[in-house]
Protein backbone atom coordinates (compact mmCIF):
# COMPACT_ATOMS: atom_id res chain seq x y z
CA MET A 1 -11.74 15.84 5.54
CA LYS A 2 -13.08 14.74 2.21
CA ARG A 3 -9.80 14.80 0.82
CA VAL A 4 -8.29 12.27 3.64
CA ALA A 5 -11.24 9.88 3.04
CA LEU A 6 -10.70 10.19 -0.36
CA ALA A 7 -7.26 9.45 -0.10
CA PHE A 8 -7.63 6.67 2.23
CA LEU A 9 -9.76 5.29 -0.14
CA VAL A 10 -7.77 5.76 -3.28
CA ALA A 11 -4.49 5.25 -2.03
CA PRO A 12 -4.35 1.50 -2.39
CA PHE A 13 -5.14 1.75 -6.01
CA PRO A 14 -1.98 1.75 -7.64
CA ALA A 15 -0.67 -1.35 -5.74
CA ALA A 16 -3.87 -3.18 -6.19
CA LEU A 17 -3.81 -2.79 -9.89
CA ILE A 18 -0.07 -3.67 -10.72
CA GLN A 19 -0.74 -6.87 -8.55
CA SER A 20 -4.07 -7.40 -10.58
CA ILE A 21 -1.82 -6.98 -13.98
CA VAL A 22 0.69 -9.64 -12.61
CA VAL A 23 -2.02 -12.17 -12.06
CA ALA A 24 -3.78 -11.32 -15.54
CA LEU A 25 -0.41 -12.07 -16.99
CA TRP A 26 0.34 -15.18 -15.14
CA PRO A 27 -2.57 -16.55 -13.44
CA LYS A 28 -2.77 -19.47 -11.05
CA PRO A 29 -5.69 -21.68 -11.83
CA GLY A 30 -7.40 -23.10 -8.73
CA MET A 31 -5.60 -20.71 -6.29
CA GLY A 32 -8.38 -18.35 -5.16
CA VAL A 33 -7.28 -14.85 -5.67
CA PHE A 34 -4.45 -15.78 -7.56
CA ALA A 35 -6.39 -16.96 -10.48
CA HIS A 36 -8.45 -13.73 -11.06
CA PRO A 37 -7.24 -10.17 -11.32
CA VAL A 38 -10.32 -8.35 -10.30
CA SER A 39 -10.39 -10.57 -6.93
CA MET A 40 -6.78 -10.02 -6.58
CA PHE A 41 -7.61 -6.10 -6.88
CA VAL A 42 -10.03 -6.22 -4.42
CA ALA A 43 -7.89 -8.47 -1.95
CA ILE A 44 -5.16 -6.24 -1.93
CA CYS A 45 -7.38 -3.09 -1.44
CA LEU A 46 -8.71 -5.01 1.56
CA LEU A 47 -5.35 -5.68 2.84
CA PHE A 48 -4.18 -2.02 2.41
CA TYR A 49 -7.24 -0.66 3.95
CA ILE A 50 -6.68 -3.02 7.04
CA PHE A 51 -3.01 -1.36 7.31
CA GLU A 52 -4.55 1.91 6.81
CA ILE A 53 -6.96 1.70 9.75
CA VAL A 54 -4.59 -0.03 12.20
CA LEU A 55 -1.27 1.56 11.25
CA ALA A 56 -1.87 4.54 8.95
CA LEU A 57 -4.77 6.50 10.30
CA PRO A 58 -3.40 6.66 13.81
CA LEU A 59 -0.14 8.06 12.50
CA TYR A 60 -1.85 10.46 10.12
CA LEU A 61 -3.78 11.83 13.32
CA ALA A 62 -0.55 12.10 15.15
CA VAL A 63 1.72 14.10 12.73
CA ARG A 64 -1.01 15.94 10.73
CA LYS A 65 -0.30 19.02 12.68
CA HIS A 66 3.09 18.86 13.60
CA GLY A 67 5.04 16.44 11.09
CA PRO A 68 6.62 17.09 7.90
CA ARG A 69 4.28 17.22 5.01
CA THR A 70 6.52 16.16 2.10
CA MET A 71 5.71 13.70 -0.34
CA GLY A 72 9.02 11.95 0.61
CA THR A 73 7.94 11.65 4.18
CA TYR A 74 4.55 10.10 2.96
CA ALA A 75 6.22 7.73 0.66
CA ILE A 76 8.47 6.38 2.90
CA ALA A 77 6.03 6.03 5.92
CA GLY A 78 3.44 4.34 3.56
CA SER A 79 6.50 1.94 2.91
CA VAL A 80 7.61 1.22 6.34
CA LEU A 81 3.58 0.92 7.23
CA THR A 82 3.08 -1.85 4.65
CA LEU A 83 6.22 -3.88 5.39
CA LEU A 84 5.96 -4.28 9.28
CA PRO A 85 2.96 -6.91 9.25
CA ILE A 86 3.82 -8.32 5.73
CA MET A 87 7.31 -9.09 7.36
CA VAL A 88 5.96 -10.49 10.33
CA ALA A 89 3.51 -12.87 7.88
CA VAL A 90 6.24 -13.89 5.78
CA GLY A 91 8.60 -14.52 8.67
CA VAL A 92 5.95 -17.05 10.11
CA THR A 93 5.57 -18.56 6.67
CA VAL A 94 9.16 -19.12 6.34
CA ALA A 95 9.57 -20.59 9.50
CA LYS A 96 7.24 -23.02 8.72
CA GLY A 97 8.77 -23.76 5.34
CA GLY A 98 6.05 -22.37 3.04
CA LEU A 99 7.78 -19.87 0.92
CA SER A 100 10.64 -19.62 -1.43
CA ALA A 101 13.40 -17.14 -1.40
CA PHE A 102 11.78 -15.59 -4.62
CA ALA A 103 8.20 -15.61 -3.09
CA VAL A 104 9.81 -13.80 -0.22
CA SER A 105 11.70 -11.01 -1.93
CA TYR A 106 8.53 -10.84 -4.29
CA ASN A 107 6.27 -9.96 -0.99
CA LEU A 108 8.68 -7.68 0.24
CA ALA A 109 9.19 -6.09 -2.63
CA PHE A 110 5.74 -5.80 -3.78
CA PHE A 111 4.55 -4.51 -0.69
CA ALA A 112 7.42 -1.72 -0.28
CA LEU A 113 6.80 -0.47 -3.34
CA GLY A 114 3.10 -0.70 -2.97
CA GLY A 115 3.12 1.14 0.49
CA PHE A 116 5.36 3.81 -1.27
CA ILE A 117 3.12 4.51 -4.13
CA ALA A 118 0.13 4.59 -1.52
CA GLY A 119 1.92 7.12 0.59
CA ALA A 120 2.88 9.27 -2.44
CA VAL A 121 -0.81 9.15 -3.48
CA PHE A 122 -2.17 9.96 0.00
CA TRP A 123 -0.03 12.96 0.15
CA ARG A 124 -1.04 14.36 -3.15
CA LEU A 125 -4.82 13.87 -2.46
CA THR A 126 -4.59 15.42 1.11
CA THR A 127 -2.06 18.40 0.02
CA PRO A 128 -4.05 21.17 -1.45
CA PRO A 129 -2.72 22.59 -4.68
CA SER A 130 -0.34 25.82 -4.14
CA HIS A 131 -1.74 28.67 -5.80
CA LYS A 132 1.28 30.71 -6.86
CA SER A 133 0.05 34.22 -8.03
CA PRO A 134 1.71 35.24 -11.78
CA SER A 135 4.42 37.64 -11.22
């Protein structure tokens, strides 16, 4: 159980780190979290934690005993689970005329890749290392 708790805590870190680096390279002064890399890191982690609690935890509990336990399965599930709420949010914002095509593409790509990495990290941390005896 400790592995699962650690995995849920650490899984968002790579995606948050990538977005923080982007903010560090191209800050947007006066735009809240878009102006400071550390605040972006915290914001992305919090957003991913919400996705984990609402979407990923119930899925994990449902398939942990009977579902396939491959890295690809977890990575794709992570990507899909992060894209679902973001697609709704982006769709609402686009309908109001608030995002450019670049911003839509960037957000969808970032969250798809971030979810993919988070799923792979989660799989790695929850899967015990295999102990093969030397032949």
